[in-house]
N, C-alpha and C. Protein backbone atom coordinates (compact mmCIF):
# COMPACT_ATOMS: atom_id res chain seq x y z
N ALA A 1 -27.52 189.87 -136.87
CA ALA A 1 -27.40 188.68 -136.06
C ALA A 1 -27.83 188.97 -134.62
N LEU A 2 -27.40 190.12 -134.09
CA LEU A 2 -27.77 190.46 -132.72
C LEU A 2 -29.27 190.64 -132.57
N VAL A 3 -29.89 191.32 -133.54
CA VAL A 3 -31.32 191.59 -133.48
C VAL A 3 -32.12 190.29 -133.56
N SER A 4 -31.71 189.38 -134.43
CA SER A 4 -32.44 188.11 -134.54
C SER A 4 -32.34 187.30 -133.26
N GLY A 5 -31.19 187.36 -132.60
CA GLY A 5 -31.03 186.66 -131.33
C GLY A 5 -31.94 187.22 -130.25
N VAL A 6 -32.04 188.53 -130.19
CA VAL A 6 -32.91 189.16 -129.19
C VAL A 6 -34.38 188.88 -129.51
N PHE A 7 -34.74 188.92 -130.79
CA PHE A 7 -36.13 188.64 -131.20
C PHE A 7 -36.53 187.22 -130.81
N ALA A 8 -35.64 186.27 -131.02
CA ALA A 8 -35.92 184.88 -130.63
C ALA A 8 -36.14 184.78 -129.13
N THR A 9 -35.42 185.57 -128.36
CA THR A 9 -35.57 185.55 -126.91
C THR A 9 -36.93 186.10 -126.49
N VAL A 10 -37.41 187.13 -127.16
CA VAL A 10 -38.73 187.69 -126.84
C VAL A 10 -39.79 186.60 -126.96
N LEU A 11 -39.71 185.82 -128.02
CA LEU A 11 -40.70 184.76 -128.23
C LEU A 11 -40.49 183.55 -127.31
N GLY A 12 -39.25 183.21 -127.06
CA GLY A 12 -38.96 181.98 -126.35
C GLY A 12 -38.79 182.08 -124.85
N ASN A 13 -38.61 183.28 -124.31
CA ASN A 13 -38.30 183.43 -122.88
C ASN A 13 -39.31 182.77 -121.95
N PRO A 14 -40.62 182.96 -122.17
CA PRO A 14 -41.57 182.31 -121.25
C PRO A 14 -41.39 180.79 -121.20
N PHE A 15 -41.11 180.17 -122.33
CA PHE A 15 -40.92 178.73 -122.38
C PHE A 15 -39.60 178.33 -121.72
N GLU A 16 -38.60 179.18 -121.88
CA GLU A 16 -37.30 178.91 -121.24
C GLU A 16 -37.42 178.98 -119.72
N VAL A 17 -38.16 179.97 -119.23
CA VAL A 17 -38.38 180.10 -117.78
C VAL A 17 -39.08 178.84 -117.27
N LEU A 18 -40.12 178.42 -117.97
CA LEU A 18 -40.86 177.23 -117.56
C LEU A 18 -39.96 176.00 -117.57
N LYS A 19 -39.16 175.83 -118.61
CA LYS A 19 -38.26 174.68 -118.71
C LYS A 19 -37.26 174.65 -117.57
N VAL A 20 -36.65 175.79 -117.29
CA VAL A 20 -35.65 175.87 -116.21
C VAL A 20 -36.30 175.57 -114.87
N ARG A 21 -37.49 176.13 -114.65
CA ARG A 21 -38.20 175.88 -113.39
C ARG A 21 -38.54 174.41 -113.22
N LEU A 22 -39.02 173.77 -114.29
CA LEU A 22 -39.39 172.36 -114.20
C LEU A 22 -38.17 171.48 -113.96
N GLN A 23 -37.04 171.86 -114.53
CA GLN A 23 -35.81 171.10 -114.30
C GLN A 23 -35.30 171.29 -112.88
N ALA A 24 -35.46 172.50 -112.34
CA ALA A 24 -34.98 172.79 -110.99
C ALA A 24 -35.92 172.26 -109.91
N ARG A 25 -37.18 172.07 -110.27
CA ARG A 25 -38.19 171.64 -109.29
C ARG A 25 -38.99 170.46 -109.85
N PRO A 26 -38.45 169.28 -109.76
CA PRO A 26 -39.10 168.10 -110.35
C PRO A 26 -40.51 167.83 -109.81
N LYS A 27 -40.77 168.19 -108.57
CA LYS A 27 -42.12 167.97 -107.99
C LYS A 27 -43.17 168.75 -108.78
N GLU A 28 -42.85 169.97 -109.17
CA GLU A 28 -43.79 170.77 -109.95
C GLU A 28 -44.00 170.18 -111.34
N ALA A 29 -42.99 169.53 -111.88
CA ALA A 29 -43.08 168.95 -113.21
C ALA A 29 -44.04 167.77 -113.24
N GLU A 30 -44.21 167.10 -112.10
CA GLU A 30 -45.10 165.94 -112.05
C GLU A 30 -46.54 166.30 -112.38
N ALA A 31 -46.95 167.53 -112.05
CA ALA A 31 -48.31 167.96 -112.32
C ALA A 31 -48.54 168.29 -113.79
N GLY A 32 -47.46 168.45 -114.54
CA GLY A 32 -47.58 168.78 -115.96
C GLY A 32 -47.19 170.22 -116.22
N GLU A 33 -46.82 170.48 -117.46
CA GLU A 33 -46.31 171.79 -117.85
C GLU A 33 -47.36 172.89 -117.73
N LEU A 34 -48.58 172.61 -118.18
CA LEU A 34 -49.62 173.66 -118.14
C LEU A 34 -50.00 174.04 -116.72
N ARG A 35 -50.07 173.06 -115.84
CA ARG A 35 -50.38 173.36 -114.43
C ARG A 35 -49.24 174.14 -113.79
N ALA A 36 -48.01 173.75 -114.09
CA ALA A 36 -46.86 174.47 -113.54
C ALA A 36 -46.83 175.90 -114.06
N LEU A 37 -47.14 176.07 -115.34
CA LEU A 37 -47.17 177.42 -115.93
C LEU A 37 -48.25 178.27 -115.28
N SER A 38 -49.45 177.72 -115.14
CA SER A 38 -50.53 178.51 -114.54
C SER A 38 -50.25 178.80 -113.07
N ALA A 39 -49.64 177.86 -112.35
CA ALA A 39 -49.30 178.11 -110.95
C ALA A 39 -48.25 179.20 -110.84
N MET A 40 -47.27 179.19 -111.73
CA MET A 40 -46.23 180.21 -111.70
C MET A 40 -46.83 181.60 -111.95
N VAL A 41 -47.71 181.71 -112.93
CA VAL A 41 -48.33 183.00 -113.24
C VAL A 41 -49.26 183.42 -112.11
N ARG A 42 -50.02 182.49 -111.56
CA ARG A 42 -50.94 182.80 -110.46
C ARG A 42 -50.19 183.28 -109.22
N GLU A 43 -49.09 182.59 -108.86
CA GLU A 43 -48.36 182.90 -107.64
C GLU A 43 -47.41 184.08 -107.77
N GLU A 44 -46.83 184.26 -108.96
CA GLU A 44 -45.81 185.30 -109.13
C GLU A 44 -46.22 186.41 -110.08
N GLY A 45 -47.33 186.23 -110.78
CA GLY A 45 -47.78 187.22 -111.73
C GLY A 45 -47.19 186.96 -113.12
N PRO A 46 -47.76 187.60 -114.13
CA PRO A 46 -47.29 187.38 -115.50
C PRO A 46 -45.84 187.82 -115.73
N GLN A 47 -45.34 188.70 -114.88
CA GLN A 47 -43.95 189.15 -115.03
C GLN A 47 -42.96 188.01 -114.80
N ALA A 48 -43.40 186.92 -114.17
CA ALA A 48 -42.53 185.76 -113.97
C ALA A 48 -42.09 185.17 -115.32
N LEU A 49 -42.91 185.32 -116.35
CA LEU A 49 -42.58 184.79 -117.68
C LEU A 49 -41.43 185.55 -118.33
N GLY A 50 -41.19 186.76 -117.86
CA GLY A 50 -40.09 187.57 -118.39
C GLY A 50 -38.84 187.50 -117.53
N ARG A 51 -38.89 186.69 -116.51
CA ARG A 51 -37.76 186.58 -115.57
C ARG A 51 -36.49 186.17 -116.31
N GLY A 52 -35.42 186.90 -116.08
CA GLY A 52 -34.14 186.59 -116.71
C GLY A 52 -34.04 187.01 -118.16
N PHE A 53 -34.99 187.80 -118.64
CA PHE A 53 -35.00 188.17 -120.05
C PHE A 53 -33.70 188.87 -120.47
N GLN A 54 -33.19 189.76 -119.63
CA GLN A 54 -31.97 190.49 -119.99
C GLN A 54 -30.81 189.52 -120.22
N TRP A 55 -30.68 188.53 -119.32
CA TRP A 55 -29.60 187.56 -119.47
C TRP A 55 -29.82 186.68 -120.70
N ALA A 56 -31.06 186.29 -120.92
CA ALA A 56 -31.37 185.43 -122.07
C ALA A 56 -31.14 186.17 -123.38
N ALA A 57 -31.51 187.45 -123.43
CA ALA A 57 -31.30 188.24 -124.65
C ALA A 57 -29.81 188.44 -124.91
N ALA A 58 -29.06 188.71 -123.85
CA ALA A 58 -27.61 188.88 -124.01
C ALA A 58 -26.97 187.58 -124.48
N ARG A 59 -27.39 186.45 -123.91
CA ARG A 59 -26.86 185.15 -124.31
C ARG A 59 -27.18 184.86 -125.78
N SER A 60 -28.41 185.10 -126.15
CA SER A 60 -28.85 184.83 -127.52
C SER A 60 -28.09 185.69 -128.53
N ALA A 61 -27.93 186.96 -128.21
CA ALA A 61 -27.20 187.86 -129.11
C ALA A 61 -25.73 187.45 -129.21
N LEU A 62 -25.12 187.13 -128.07
CA LEU A 62 -23.72 186.70 -128.08
C LEU A 62 -23.54 185.38 -128.82
N LEU A 63 -24.47 184.47 -128.63
CA LEU A 63 -24.39 183.17 -129.31
C LEU A 63 -24.45 183.36 -130.82
N THR A 64 -25.41 184.12 -131.28
CA THR A 64 -25.58 184.34 -132.71
C THR A 64 -24.35 185.04 -133.30
N ALA A 65 -23.85 186.04 -132.60
CA ALA A 65 -22.70 186.80 -133.12
C ALA A 65 -21.40 186.01 -133.04
N SER A 66 -21.28 185.13 -132.03
CA SER A 66 -20.00 184.44 -131.85
C SER A 66 -19.88 183.15 -132.65
N GLN A 67 -20.85 182.82 -133.44
CA GLN A 67 -20.76 181.61 -134.26
C GLN A 67 -20.15 181.89 -135.63
N VAL A 68 -20.58 182.96 -136.26
CA VAL A 68 -20.24 183.21 -137.66
C VAL A 68 -18.76 183.57 -137.86
N VAL A 69 -18.28 184.54 -137.12
CA VAL A 69 -16.90 185.01 -137.31
C VAL A 69 -15.87 183.93 -136.97
N PRO A 70 -15.98 183.25 -135.83
CA PRO A 70 -15.01 182.20 -135.55
C PRO A 70 -15.02 181.07 -136.58
N TYR A 71 -16.21 180.72 -137.07
CA TYR A 71 -16.30 179.67 -138.08
C TYR A 71 -15.58 180.09 -139.36
N ALA A 72 -15.86 181.30 -139.82
CA ALA A 72 -15.23 181.79 -141.05
C ALA A 72 -13.71 181.89 -140.89
N HIS A 73 -13.27 182.38 -139.74
CA HIS A 73 -11.82 182.52 -139.50
C HIS A 73 -11.14 181.15 -139.42
N ALA A 74 -11.76 180.23 -138.71
CA ALA A 74 -11.19 178.88 -138.59
C ALA A 74 -11.14 178.20 -139.95
N LYS A 75 -12.17 178.36 -140.73
CA LYS A 75 -12.21 177.75 -142.06
C LYS A 75 -11.10 178.31 -142.95
N LYS A 76 -10.92 179.62 -142.90
CA LYS A 76 -9.88 180.27 -143.70
C LYS A 76 -8.48 179.82 -143.25
N THR A 77 -8.30 179.67 -141.95
CA THR A 77 -7.01 179.26 -141.41
C THR A 77 -6.70 177.78 -141.68
N LEU A 78 -7.71 176.94 -141.57
CA LEU A 78 -7.51 175.50 -141.71
C LEU A 78 -7.44 175.01 -143.17
N GLN A 79 -8.04 175.76 -144.07
CA GLN A 79 -8.09 175.29 -145.46
C GLN A 79 -6.71 175.04 -146.08
N PRO A 80 -5.72 175.94 -145.90
CA PRO A 80 -4.39 175.65 -146.46
C PRO A 80 -3.75 174.40 -145.83
N LEU A 81 -4.06 174.14 -144.57
CA LEU A 81 -3.49 172.97 -143.89
C LEU A 81 -4.09 171.66 -144.40
N LEU A 82 -5.39 171.69 -144.72
CA LEU A 82 -6.06 170.48 -145.19
C LEU A 82 -5.98 170.32 -146.71
N GLY A 83 -5.75 171.42 -147.42
CA GLY A 83 -5.56 171.36 -148.86
C GLY A 83 -6.82 171.32 -149.70
N HIS A 84 -7.97 171.20 -149.08
CA HIS A 84 -9.21 171.16 -149.85
C HIS A 84 -10.38 171.58 -148.97
N GLU A 85 -11.52 171.84 -149.62
CA GLU A 85 -12.72 172.20 -148.86
C GLU A 85 -13.67 171.01 -148.89
N GLY A 86 -13.60 170.24 -147.86
CA GLY A 86 -14.47 169.07 -147.74
C GLY A 86 -15.13 169.03 -146.38
N ILE A 87 -15.69 167.90 -146.08
CA ILE A 87 -16.41 167.75 -144.82
C ILE A 87 -15.49 167.91 -143.61
N SER A 88 -14.24 167.47 -143.74
CA SER A 88 -13.31 167.61 -142.61
C SER A 88 -13.03 169.07 -142.28
N LEU A 89 -12.94 169.91 -143.29
CA LEU A 89 -12.73 171.35 -143.07
C LEU A 89 -13.92 171.95 -142.32
N HIS A 90 -15.12 171.65 -142.79
CA HIS A 90 -16.32 172.20 -142.15
C HIS A 90 -16.49 171.67 -140.73
N LEU A 91 -16.17 170.41 -140.53
CA LEU A 91 -16.27 169.82 -139.19
C LEU A 91 -15.29 170.47 -138.22
N LEU A 92 -14.04 170.62 -138.63
CA LEU A 92 -13.04 171.24 -137.76
C LEU A 92 -13.35 172.71 -137.49
N ALA A 93 -13.78 173.43 -138.52
CA ALA A 93 -14.14 174.84 -138.33
C ALA A 93 -15.33 174.97 -137.39
N SER A 94 -16.27 174.05 -137.48
CA SER A 94 -17.43 174.06 -136.59
C SER A 94 -17.03 173.76 -135.15
N LEU A 95 -16.10 172.84 -134.97
CA LEU A 95 -15.62 172.53 -133.62
C LEU A 95 -14.94 173.74 -132.98
N VAL A 96 -14.14 174.44 -133.76
CA VAL A 96 -13.47 175.65 -133.26
C VAL A 96 -14.51 176.71 -132.90
N ALA A 97 -15.47 176.92 -133.79
CA ALA A 97 -16.52 177.92 -133.53
C ALA A 97 -17.33 177.53 -132.29
N GLY A 98 -17.56 176.24 -132.11
CA GLY A 98 -18.29 175.78 -130.93
C GLY A 98 -17.57 176.09 -129.64
N VAL A 99 -16.26 175.91 -129.62
CA VAL A 99 -15.46 176.23 -128.43
C VAL A 99 -15.59 177.72 -128.10
N VAL A 100 -15.46 178.55 -129.14
CA VAL A 100 -15.56 180.01 -128.93
C VAL A 100 -16.95 180.38 -128.43
N THR A 101 -17.97 179.86 -129.09
CA THR A 101 -19.34 180.21 -128.72
C THR A 101 -19.68 179.77 -127.30
N CYS A 102 -19.30 178.54 -126.95
CA CYS A 102 -19.58 178.06 -125.59
C CYS A 102 -18.85 178.90 -124.54
N THR A 103 -17.63 179.27 -124.84
CA THR A 103 -16.84 180.06 -123.89
C THR A 103 -17.41 181.47 -123.74
N VAL A 104 -17.84 182.06 -124.84
CA VAL A 104 -18.39 183.42 -124.79
C VAL A 104 -19.74 183.45 -124.06
N THR A 105 -20.57 182.45 -124.30
CA THR A 105 -21.92 182.48 -123.73
C THR A 105 -22.05 181.85 -122.34
N ALA A 106 -21.07 181.08 -121.91
CA ALA A 106 -21.18 180.35 -120.64
C ALA A 106 -21.49 181.25 -119.44
N PRO A 107 -20.76 182.34 -119.22
CA PRO A 107 -21.06 183.16 -118.03
C PRO A 107 -22.48 183.73 -118.05
N VAL A 108 -22.93 184.15 -119.22
CA VAL A 108 -24.27 184.72 -119.33
C VAL A 108 -25.32 183.63 -119.16
N ASP A 109 -25.03 182.44 -119.69
CA ASP A 109 -25.95 181.32 -119.57
C ASP A 109 -26.12 180.89 -118.11
N VAL A 110 -25.03 180.88 -117.36
CA VAL A 110 -25.10 180.52 -115.94
C VAL A 110 -25.95 181.55 -115.18
N MET A 111 -25.75 182.81 -115.47
CA MET A 111 -26.53 183.86 -114.79
C MET A 111 -28.01 183.76 -115.17
N LYS A 112 -28.28 183.50 -116.44
CA LYS A 112 -29.66 183.36 -116.93
C LYS A 112 -30.36 182.23 -116.19
N THR A 113 -29.70 181.11 -116.09
CA THR A 113 -30.30 179.95 -115.43
C THR A 113 -30.51 180.22 -113.95
N ARG A 114 -29.55 180.88 -113.32
CA ARG A 114 -29.67 181.20 -111.89
C ARG A 114 -30.88 182.10 -111.65
N VAL A 115 -31.06 183.11 -112.48
CA VAL A 115 -32.19 184.04 -112.31
C VAL A 115 -33.52 183.36 -112.63
N MET A 116 -33.56 182.60 -113.71
CA MET A 116 -34.82 181.96 -114.11
C MET A 116 -35.28 180.90 -113.13
N SER A 117 -34.35 180.20 -112.50
CA SER A 117 -34.74 179.12 -111.60
C SER A 117 -35.17 179.63 -110.23
N ALA A 118 -34.85 180.87 -109.90
CA ALA A 118 -35.21 181.43 -108.60
C ALA A 118 -36.66 181.89 -108.60
N ALA A 119 -37.30 181.75 -107.48
CA ALA A 119 -38.65 182.30 -107.32
C ALA A 119 -38.54 183.81 -107.24
N SER A 120 -39.61 184.49 -107.60
CA SER A 120 -39.56 185.96 -107.60
C SER A 120 -39.37 186.52 -106.21
N SER A 121 -39.66 185.74 -105.18
CA SER A 121 -39.49 186.22 -103.81
C SER A 121 -38.02 186.17 -103.36
N GLN A 122 -37.19 185.43 -104.11
CA GLN A 122 -35.78 185.33 -103.76
C GLN A 122 -35.04 186.58 -104.20
N LYS A 123 -34.13 187.04 -103.35
CA LYS A 123 -33.31 188.21 -103.68
C LYS A 123 -32.26 187.82 -104.70
N SER A 124 -32.14 188.61 -105.73
CA SER A 124 -31.17 188.35 -106.78
C SER A 124 -29.77 188.71 -106.30
N VAL A 125 -28.79 187.86 -106.63
CA VAL A 125 -27.41 188.08 -106.24
C VAL A 125 -26.65 188.61 -107.45
N GLY A 126 -25.82 189.61 -107.24
CA GLY A 126 -25.07 190.22 -108.33
C GLY A 126 -23.89 189.39 -108.80
N VAL A 127 -23.38 189.74 -109.95
CA VAL A 127 -22.25 189.04 -110.56
C VAL A 127 -21.03 189.11 -109.65
N GLY A 128 -20.74 190.29 -109.12
CA GLY A 128 -19.57 190.46 -108.24
C GLY A 128 -19.65 189.59 -107.00
N THR A 129 -20.82 189.51 -106.41
CA THR A 129 -21.00 188.67 -105.22
C THR A 129 -20.78 187.20 -105.55
N LEU A 130 -21.33 186.75 -106.67
CA LEU A 130 -21.13 185.36 -107.07
C LEU A 130 -19.67 185.06 -107.36
N LEU A 131 -19.00 186.00 -107.96
CA LEU A 131 -17.57 185.83 -108.26
C LEU A 131 -16.77 185.67 -106.97
N ARG A 132 -17.06 186.50 -105.98
CA ARG A 132 -16.37 186.41 -104.69
C ARG A 132 -16.73 185.13 -103.94
N GLN A 133 -18.00 184.76 -103.96
CA GLN A 133 -18.46 183.60 -103.19
C GLN A 133 -18.08 182.26 -103.83
N GLU A 134 -18.19 182.18 -105.15
CA GLU A 134 -18.05 180.87 -105.80
C GLU A 134 -16.85 180.76 -106.74
N GLY A 135 -16.17 181.88 -106.98
CA GLY A 135 -14.97 181.84 -107.81
C GLY A 135 -15.27 181.98 -109.30
N PHE A 136 -14.21 182.24 -110.05
CA PHE A 136 -14.31 182.50 -111.48
C PHE A 136 -14.92 181.34 -112.26
N MET A 137 -14.57 180.12 -111.89
CA MET A 137 -15.04 178.95 -112.64
C MET A 137 -16.54 178.71 -112.49
N PHE A 138 -17.17 179.37 -111.53
CA PHE A 138 -18.62 179.29 -111.38
C PHE A 138 -19.31 179.66 -112.69
N PHE A 139 -18.76 180.62 -113.38
CA PHE A 139 -19.38 181.12 -114.62
C PHE A 139 -19.23 180.16 -115.79
N PHE A 140 -18.55 179.06 -115.58
CA PHE A 140 -18.38 178.07 -116.66
C PHE A 140 -18.97 176.71 -116.28
N LYS A 141 -19.87 176.71 -115.30
CA LYS A 141 -20.59 175.48 -114.96
C LYS A 141 -21.38 175.05 -116.17
N GLY A 142 -21.27 173.80 -116.51
CA GLY A 142 -22.04 173.27 -117.65
C GLY A 142 -21.41 173.54 -119.00
N TRP A 143 -20.17 174.07 -119.01
CA TRP A 143 -19.52 174.39 -120.29
C TRP A 143 -19.43 173.16 -121.17
N LEU A 144 -18.94 172.07 -120.64
CA LEU A 144 -18.75 170.86 -121.43
C LEU A 144 -20.09 170.31 -121.93
N ALA A 145 -21.10 170.34 -121.09
CA ALA A 145 -22.42 169.87 -121.52
C ALA A 145 -22.98 170.72 -122.64
N ASN A 146 -22.73 172.01 -122.61
CA ASN A 146 -23.18 172.90 -123.69
C ASN A 146 -22.42 172.66 -124.98
N TYR A 147 -21.14 172.34 -124.87
CA TYR A 147 -20.34 172.12 -126.07
C TYR A 147 -20.80 170.85 -126.76
């Protein structure tokens, strides 16, 4: 599960960087995706496409790993309470797994987005600095939207 998550990130990271940049900078999006992509590579070099890869790979691996076990555990725990294996069991187990997955991946997702949206000329801020400056809940921005 971890390897498949990292592999997906290798293929998808350039598109994720582009998507995050276009969302953070609507003016660049007006010119179109291909122009924004070529401008990003021209101005920052091809390494811009790998920006935030470590955070994206960690998020992808954590997401993949944190879905299966919580779902199986919730299903096993809820089945005696519901008395049967039907759609309600799968729905409730999925909701529980979703809470776990969103909570596990939220801090990494926030860091990934912060790094990807920054221009390469911007100095990267560490986790400890962000924690001191913005507080613990900073790492859960967008949690509800992700769930």
